[in-house]
């Protein structure tokens, strides 16, 4: 059908929604790009507009595109 995309990349909005559903502000995370860890461990702040906003252990706030990264939680949240 014209105007419809099949397969391919998810939109930035759906990527952000997926990250937000799996992580909460304050979760300890590791961020990877192309299988390599970026800037050590950090803290999840939010995902918005196709970007992950997180703070590294040095206190630097980072904004990283969600298009080519993976994120891993370091510890489980307590209920």
PDB file of N, CA and C in Angstrom:
ATOM      1  N   UNK A   1       0.835  -1.190   0.000  1.00  0.00           N
ATOM      2  CA  UNK A   1       0.000   0.000   0.000  1.00  0.00           C
ATOM      3  C   UNK A   1       0.872   1.243   0.000  1.00  0.00           C
ATOM      4  N   UNK A   2       0.544   2.205  -0.782  1.00  0.00           N
ATOM      5  CA  UNK A   2       1.309   3.444  -0.765  1.00  0.00           C
ATOM      6  C   UNK A   2       1.209   4.132   0.587  1.00  0.00           C
ATOM      7  N   UNK A   3       2.297   4.726   1.004  1.00  0.00           N
ATOM      8  CA  UNK A   3       2.311   5.466   2.252  1.00  0.00           C
ATOM      9  C   UNK A   3       2.507   4.600   3.487  1.00  0.00           C
ATOM     10  N   UNK A   4       2.563   3.296   3.323  1.00  0.00           N
ATOM     11  CA  UNK A   4       2.785   2.406   4.467  1.00  0.00           C
ATOM     12  C   UNK A   4       4.176   1.825   4.390  1.00  0.00           C
ATOM     13  N   UNK A   5       4.790   1.700   5.538  1.00  0.00           N
ATOM     14  CA  UNK A   5       6.108   1.078   5.603  1.00  0.00           C
ATOM     15  C   UNK A   5       5.945  -0.276   6.245  1.00  0.00           C
ATOM     16  N   UNK A   6       6.650  -1.234   5.710  1.00  0.00           N
ATOM     17  CA  UNK A   6       6.634  -2.542   6.357  1.00  0.00           C
ATOM     18  C   UNK A   6       8.046  -2.875   6.784  1.00  0.00           C
ATOM     19  N   UNK A   7       8.162  -3.478   7.976  1.00  0.00           N
ATOM     20  CA  UNK A   7       9.492  -3.814   8.474  1.00  0.00           C
ATOM     21  C   UNK A   7      10.289  -2.560   8.744  1.00  0.00           C
ATOM     22  N   UNK A   8      11.585  -2.662   8.555  1.00  0.00           N
ATOM     23  CA  UNK A   8      12.449  -1.507   8.729  1.00  0.00           C
ATOM     24  C   UNK A   8      12.572  -1.054  10.165  1.00  0.00           C
ATOM     25  N   UNK A   9      13.006   0.165  10.353  1.00  0.00           N
ATOM     26  CA  UNK A   9      13.241   0.717  11.687  1.00  0.00           C
ATOM     27  C   UNK A   9      11.961   1.136  12.363  1.00  0.00           C
ATOM     28  N   UNK A  10      11.991   1.042  13.693  1.00  0.00           N
ATOM     29  CA  UNK A  10      10.894   1.600  14.473  1.00  0.00           C
ATOM     30  C   UNK A  10      11.100   3.101  14.544  1.00  0.00           C
ATOM     31  N   UNK A  11      10.021   3.803  14.800  1.00  0.00           N
ATOM     32  CA  UNK A  11      10.145   5.251  14.906  1.00  0.00           C
ATOM     33  C   UNK A  11      10.830   5.627  16.208  1.00  0.00           C
ATOM     34  N   UNK A  12      11.328   6.825  16.264  1.00  0.00           N
ATOM     35  CA  UNK A  12      11.966   7.311  17.479  1.00  0.00           C
ATOM     36  C   UNK A  12      11.001   7.286  18.647  1.00  0.00           C
ATOM     37  N   UNK A  13       9.738   7.613  18.391  1.00  0.00           N
ATOM     38  CA  UNK A  13       8.748   7.628  19.454  1.00  0.00           C
ATOM     39  C   UNK A  13       8.545   6.232  20.025  1.00  0.00           C
ATOM     40  N   UNK A  14       8.460   5.215  19.171  1.00  0.00           N
ATOM     41  CA  UNK A  14       8.265   3.859  19.692  1.00  0.00           C
ATOM     42  C   UNK A  14       9.516   3.362  20.399  1.00  0.00           C
ATOM     43  N   UNK A  15      10.702   3.761  19.946  1.00  0.00           N
ATOM     44  CA  UNK A  15      11.933   3.388  20.637  1.00  0.00           C
ATOM     45  C   UNK A  15      11.953   3.998  22.031  1.00  0.00           C
ATOM     46  N   UNK A  16      11.604   5.261  22.148  1.00  0.00           N
ATOM     47  CA  UNK A  16      11.581   5.923  23.445  1.00  0.00           C
ATOM     48  C   UNK A  16      10.578   5.263  24.360  1.00  0.00           C
ATOM     49  N   UNK A  17       9.391   4.942  23.834  1.00  0.00           N
ATOM     50  CA  UNK A  17       8.354   4.308  24.639  1.00  0.00           C
ATOM     51  C   UNK A  17       8.824   2.959  25.143  1.00  0.00           C
ATOM     52  N   UNK A  18       9.495   2.191  24.304  1.00  0.00           N
ATOM     53  CA  UNK A  18       9.995   0.877  24.695  1.00  0.00           C
ATOM     54  C   UNK A  18      11.021   0.985  25.819  1.00  0.00           C
ATOM     55  N   UNK A  19      11.932   1.933  25.724  1.00  0.00           N
ATOM     56  CA  UNK A  19      12.948   2.122  26.762  1.00  0.00           C
ATOM     57  C   UNK A  19      12.289   2.554  28.069  1.00  0.00           C
ATOM     58  N   UNK A  20      11.348   3.490  27.989  1.00  0.00           N
ATOM     59  CA  UNK A  20      10.688   3.998  29.193  1.00  0.00           C
ATOM     60  C   UNK A  20       9.913   2.888  29.889  1.00  0.00           C
ATOM     61  N   UNK A  21       9.321   1.989  29.133  1.00  0.00           N
ATOM     62  CA  UNK A  21       8.569   0.886  29.730  1.00  0.00           C
ATOM     63  C   UNK A  21       9.482  -0.075  30.480  1.00  0.00           C
ATOM     64  N   UNK A  22      10.729  -0.191  30.073  1.00  0.00           N
ATOM     65  CA  UNK A  22      11.650  -1.150  30.662  1.00  0.00           C
ATOM     66  C   UNK A  22      12.562  -0.569  31.743  1.00  0.00           C
ATOM     67  N   UNK A  23      12.716   0.737  31.769  1.00  0.00           N
ATOM     68  CA  UNK A  23      13.615   1.383  32.719  1.00  0.00           C
ATOM     69  C   UNK A  23      12.888   2.498  33.446  1.00  0.00           C
ATOM     70  N   UNK A  24      13.339   2.759  34.658  1.00  0.00           N
ATOM     71  CA  UNK A  24      12.802   3.851  35.468  1.00  0.00           C
ATOM     72  C   UNK A  24      13.938   4.773  35.876  1.00  0.00           C
ATOM     73  N   UNK A  25      13.604   6.048  36.070  1.00  0.00           N
ATOM     74  CA  UNK A  25      14.594   7.037  36.497  1.00  0.00           C
ATOM     75  C   UNK A  25      15.342   6.497  37.713  1.00  0.00           C
ATOM     76  N   UNK A  26      16.663   6.576  37.678  1.00  0.00           N
ATOM     77  CA  UNK A  26      17.493   6.124  38.785  1.00  0.00           C
ATOM     78  C   UNK A  26      18.054   4.721  38.620  1.00  0.00           C
ATOM     79  N   UNK A  27      17.540   3.943  37.629  1.00  0.00           N
ATOM     80  CA  UNK A  27      18.107   2.607  37.385  1.00  0.00           C
ATOM     81  C   UNK A  27      19.570   2.736  37.000  1.00  0.00           C
ATOM     82  N   UNK A  28      20.398   1.862  37.532  1.00  0.00           N
ATOM     83  CA  UNK A  28      21.807   1.804  37.142  1.00  0.00           C
ATOM     84  C   UNK A  28      21.884   1.026  35.830  1.00  0.00           C
ATOM     85  N   UNK A  29      22.592   1.585  34.844  1.00  0.00           N
ATOM     86  CA  UNK A  29      22.627   1.005  33.505  1.00  0.00           C
ATOM     87  C   UNK A  29      24.043   0.957  32.945  1.00  0.00           C
ATOM     88  N   UNK A  30      24.188   0.152  31.885  1.00  0.00           N
ATOM     89  CA  UNK A  30      25.357   0.169  31.017  1.00  0.00           C
ATOM     90  C   UNK A  30      24.829   0.462  29.624  1.00  0.00           C
ATOM     91  N   UNK A  31      25.527   1.304  28.875  1.00  0.00           N
ATOM     92  CA  UNK A  31      25.119   1.685  27.532  1.00  0.00           C
ATOM     93  C   UNK A  31      26.166   1.163  26.558  1.00  0.00           C
ATOM     94  N   UNK A  32      25.705   0.469  25.509  1.00  0.00           N
ATOM     95  CA  UNK A  32      26.592  -0.128  24.518  1.00  0.00           C
ATOM     96  C   UNK A  32      26.255   0.396  23.132  1.00  0.00           C
ATOM     97  N   UNK A  33      27.272   0.594  22.320  1.00  0.00           N
ATOM     98  CA  UNK A  33      27.118   0.937  20.914  1.00  0.00           C
ATOM     99  C   UNK A  33      28.064   0.049  20.130  1.00  0.00           C
ATOM    100  N   UNK A  34      27.532  -0.635  19.131  1.00  0.00           N
ATOM    101  CA  UNK A  34      28.318  -1.573  18.322  1.00  0.00           C
ATOM    102  C   UNK A  34      29.034  -2.588  19.212  1.00  0.00           C
ATOM    103  N   UNK A  35      28.366  -2.999  20.303  1.00  0.00           N
ATOM    104  CA  UNK A  35      28.923  -4.008  21.186  1.00  0.00           C
ATOM    105  C   UNK A  35      29.970  -3.504  22.163  1.00  0.00           C
ATOM    106  N   UNK A  36      30.274  -2.224  22.120  1.00  0.00           N
ATOM    107  CA  UNK A  36      31.275  -1.654  23.029  1.00  0.00           C
ATOM    108  C   UNK A  36      30.589  -0.771  24.052  1.00  0.00           C
ATOM    109  N   UNK A  37      31.046  -0.858  25.298  1.00  0.00           N
ATOM    110  CA  UNK A  37      30.453  -0.077  26.371  1.00  0.00           C
ATOM    111  C   UNK A  37      30.868   1.386  26.261  1.00  0.00           C
ATOM    112  N   UNK A  38      29.909   2.281  26.444  1.00  0.00           N
ATOM    113  CA  UNK A  38      30.173   3.721  26.408  1.00  0.00           C
ATOM    114  C   UNK A  38      30.338   4.255  27.821  1.00  0.00           C
ATOM    115  N   UNK A  39      31.405   4.972  28.098  1.00  0.00           N
ATOM    116  CA  UNK A  39      31.590   5.729  29.340  1.00  0.00           C
ATOM    117  C   UNK A  39      31.277   4.972  30.627  1.00  0.00           C
ATOM    118  N   UNK A  40      31.478   3.680  30.663  1.00  0.00           N
ATOM    119  CA  UNK A  40      31.245   2.929  31.893  1.00  0.00           C
ATOM    120  C   UNK A  40      29.792   2.832  32.270  1.00  0.00           C
ATOM    121  N   UNK A  41      29.534   2.707  33.550  1.00  0.00           N
ATOM    122  CA  UNK A  41      28.181   2.574  34.061  1.00  0.00           C
ATOM    123  C   UNK A  41      27.569   3.956  34.280  1.00  0.00           C
ATOM    124  N   UNK A  42      26.248   3.995  34.372  1.00  0.00           N
ATOM    125  CA  UNK A  42      25.591   5.266  34.605  1.00  0.00           C
ATOM    126  C   UNK A  42      24.213   5.082  35.204  1.00  0.00           C
ATOM    127  N   UNK A  43      23.437   6.155  35.173  1.00  0.00           N
ATOM    128  CA  UNK A  43      22.100   6.178  35.739  1.00  0.00           C
ATOM    129  C   UNK A  43      21.110   6.645  34.686  1.00  0.00           C
ATOM    130  N   UNK A  44      20.034   5.885  34.512  1.00  0.00           N
ATOM    131  CA  UNK A  44      18.985   6.228  33.564  1.00  0.00           C
ATOM    132  C   UNK A  44      18.236   7.461  34.055  1.00  0.00           C
ATOM    133  N   UNK A  45      18.020   8.426  33.160  1.00  0.00           N
ATOM    134  CA  UNK A  45      17.214   9.606  33.485  1.00  0.00           C
ATOM    135  C   UNK A  45      15.889   9.547  32.725  1.00  0.00           C
ATOM    136  N   UNK A  46      15.949   9.465  31.384  1.00  0.00           N
ATOM    137  CA  UNK A  46      14.727   9.356  30.582  1.00  0.00           C
ATOM    138  C   UNK A  46      15.094   9.005  29.137  1.00  0.00           C
ATOM    139  N   UNK A  47      14.080   8.599  28.391  1.00  0.00           N
ATOM    140  CA  UNK A  47      14.208   8.410  26.955  1.00  0.00           C
ATOM    141  C   UNK A  47      13.124   9.267  26.320  1.00  0.00           C
ATOM    142  N   UNK A  48      13.527  10.074  25.344  1.00  0.00           N
ATOM    143  CA  UNK A  48      12.590  11.033  24.777  1.00  0.00           C
ATOM    144  C   UNK A  48      13.059  11.443  23.395  1.00  0.00           C
ATOM    145  N   UNK A  49      12.129  11.497  22.452  1.00  0.00           N
ATOM    146  CA  UNK A  49      12.440  11.981  21.112  1.00  0.00           C
ATOM    147  C   UNK A  49      13.541  11.206  20.418  1.00  0.00           C
ATOM    148  N   UNK A  50      13.636   9.900  20.680  1.00  0.00           N
ATOM    149  CA  UNK A  50      14.645   9.087  20.023  1.00  0.00           C
ATOM    150  C   UNK A  50      16.015   9.119  20.686  1.00  0.00           C
ATOM    151  N   UNK A  51      16.094   9.704  21.882  1.00  0.00           N
ATOM    152  CA  UNK A  51      17.368   9.803  22.585  1.00  0.00           C
ATOM    153  C   UNK A  51      17.253   9.267  24.015  1.00  0.00           C
ATOM    154  N   UNK A  52      18.336   8.683  24.486  1.00  0.00           N
ATOM    155  CA  UNK A  52      18.479   8.270  25.868  1.00  0.00           C
ATOM    156  C   UNK A  52      19.216   9.372  26.606  1.00  0.00           C
ATOM    157  N   UNK A  53      18.663   9.826  27.717  1.00  0.00           N
ATOM    158  CA  UNK A  53      19.336  10.813  28.564  1.00  0.00           C
ATOM    159  C   UNK A  53      19.762  10.068  29.814  1.00  0.00           C
ATOM    160  N   UNK A  54      21.056  10.098  30.100  1.00  0.00           N
ATOM    161  CA  UNK A  54      21.593   9.354  31.234  1.00  0.00           C
ATOM    162  C   UNK A  54      22.799  10.080  31.799  1.00  0.00           C
ATOM    163  N   UNK A  55      23.134   9.753  33.036  1.00  0.00           N
ATOM    164  CA  UNK A  55      24.277  10.372  33.705  1.00  0.00           C
ATOM    165  C   UNK A  55      25.339   9.311  33.945  1.00  0.00           C
ATOM    166  N   UNK A  56      26.585   9.618  33.566  1.00  0.00           N
ATOM    167  CA  UNK A  56      27.654   8.652  33.817  1.00  0.00           C
ATOM    168  C   UNK A  56      28.147   8.789  35.254  1.00  0.00           C
ATOM    169  N   UNK A  57      29.024   7.885  35.669  1.00  0.00           N
ATOM    170  CA  UNK A  57      29.489   7.875  37.055  1.00  0.00           C
ATOM    171  C   UNK A  57      30.332   9.091  37.426  1.00  0.00           C
ATOM    172  N   UNK A  58      30.763   9.862  36.440  1.00  0.00           N
ATOM    173  CA  UNK A  58      31.512  11.096  36.705  1.00  0.00           C
ATOM    174  C   UNK A  58      30.583  12.289  36.888  1.00  0.00           C
ATOM    175  N   UNK A  59      29.269  12.056  36.769  1.00  0.00           N
ATOM    176  CA  UNK A  59      28.304  13.133  36.928  1.00  0.00           C
ATOM    177  C   UNK A  59      27.987  13.882  35.656  1.00  0.00           C
ATOM    178  N   UNK A  60      28.498  13.411  34.515  1.00  0.00           N
ATOM    179  CA  UNK A  60      28.234  14.060  33.236  1.00  0.00           C
ATOM    180  C   UNK A  60      26.909  13.573  32.674  1.00  0.00           C
ATOM    181  N   UNK A  61      26.065  14.498  32.220  1.00  0.00           N
ATOM    182  CA  UNK A  61      24.798  14.134  31.592  1.00  0.00           C
ATOM    183  C   UNK A  61      25.065  13.881  30.112  1.00  0.00           C
ATOM    184  N   UNK A  62      24.584  12.737  29.623  1.00  0.00           N
ATOM    185  CA  UNK A  62      24.800  12.328  28.242  1.00  0.00           C
ATOM    186  C   UNK A  62      23.472  12.185  27.521  1.00  0.00           C
ATOM    187  N   UNK A  63      23.451  12.536  26.242  1.00  0.00           N
ATOM    188  CA  UNK A  63      22.300  12.324  25.375  1.00  0.00           C
ATOM    189  C   UNK A  63      22.789  11.463  24.226  1.00  0.00           C
ATOM    190  N   UNK A  64      22.237  10.247  24.106  1.00  0.00           N
ATOM    191  CA  UNK A  64      22.717   9.274  23.134  1.00  0.00           C
ATOM    192  C   UNK A  64      21.559   8.809  22.268  1.00  0.00           C
ATOM    193  N   UNK A  65      21.748   8.810  20.952  1.00  0.00           N
ATOM    194  CA  UNK A  65      20.705   8.356  20.034  1.00  0.00           C
ATOM    195  C   UNK A  65      20.355   6.898  20.301  1.00  0.00           C
ATOM    196  N   UNK A  66      19.064   6.587  20.295  1.00  0.00           N
ATOM    197  CA  UNK A  66      18.602   5.222  20.514  1.00  0.00           C
ATOM    198  C   UNK A  66      18.755   4.338  19.277  1.00  0.00           C
ATOM    199  N   UNK A  67      19.105   4.917  18.135  1.00  0.00           N
ATOM    200  CA  UNK A  67      19.148   4.165  16.888  1.00  0.00           C
ATOM    201  C   UNK A  67      20.183   3.064  16.869  1.00  0.00           C
ATOM    202  N   UNK A  68      21.279   3.215  17.563  1.00  0.00           N
ATOM    203  CA  UNK A  68      22.339   2.207  17.429  1.00  0.00           C
ATOM    204  C   UNK A  68      22.937   1.782  18.764  1.00  0.00           C
ATOM    205  N   UNK A  69      22.124   1.816  19.823  1.00  0.00           N
ATOM    206  CA  UNK A  69      22.648   1.427  21.130  1.00  0.00           C
ATOM    207  C   UNK A  69      21.809   0.310  21.735  1.00  0.00           C
ATOM    208  N   UNK A  70      22.371  -0.317  22.738  1.00  0.00           N
ATOM    209  CA  UNK A  70      21.615  -1.213  23.601  1.00  0.00           C
ATOM    210  C   UNK A  70      21.911  -0.802  25.032  1.00  0.00           C
ATOM    211  N   UNK A  71      20.948  -1.056  25.913  1.00  0.00           N
ATOM    212  CA  UNK A  71      21.052  -0.637  27.298  1.00  0.00           C
ATOM    213  C   UNK A  71      20.774  -1.838  28.191  1.00  0.00           C
ATOM    214  N   UNK A  72      21.595  -2.008  29.207  1.00  0.00           N
ATOM    215  CA  UNK A  72      21.431  -3.114  30.138  1.00  0.00           C
ATOM    216  C   UNK A  72      21.323  -2.580  31.561  1.00  0.00           C
ATOM    217  N   UNK A  73      20.323  -3.058  32.313  1.00  0.00           N
ATOM    218  CA  UNK A  73      20.159  -2.694  33.714  1.00  0.00           C
ATOM    219  C   UNK A  73      21.173  -3.470  34.527  1.00  0.00           C
ATOM    220  N   UNK A  74      21.829  -2.805  35.489  1.00  0.00           N
ATOM    221  CA  UNK A  74      22.849  -3.457  36.304  1.00  0.00           C
ATOM    222  C   UNK A  74      22.281  -4.152  37.520  1.00  0.00           C
ATOM    223  N   UNK A  75      21.193  -3.651  38.062  1.00  0.00           N
ATOM    224  CA  UNK A  75      20.590  -4.296  39.227  1.00  0.00           C
ATOM    225  C   UNK A  75      19.090  -4.165  39.121  1.00  0.00           C
ATOM    226  N   UNK A  76      18.395  -5.068  39.756  1.00  0.00           N
ATOM    227  CA  UNK A  76      16.950  -5.032  39.730  1.00  0.00           C
ATOM    228  C   UNK A  76      16.426  -3.954  40.649  1.00  0.00           C
ATOM    229  N   UNK A  77      15.283  -3.391  40.271  1.00  0.00           N
ATOM    230  CA  UNK A  77      14.606  -2.407  41.115  1.00  0.00           C
ATOM    231  C   UNK A  77      13.986  -3.129  42.306  1.00  0.00           C
ATOM    232  N   UNK A  78      13.968  -2.461  43.438  1.00  0.00           N
ATOM    233  CA  UNK A  78      13.254  -3.024  44.582  1.00  0.00           C
ATOM    234  C   UNK A  78      11.819  -2.525  44.514  1.00  0.00           C
ATOM    235  N   UNK A  79      10.894  -3.360  44.890  1.00  0.00           N
ATOM    236  CA  UNK A  79       9.471  -3.027  44.794  1.00  0.00           C
ATOM    237  C   UNK A  79       8.979  -2.257  45.981  1.00  0.00           C
TER     238      UNK A  79
END
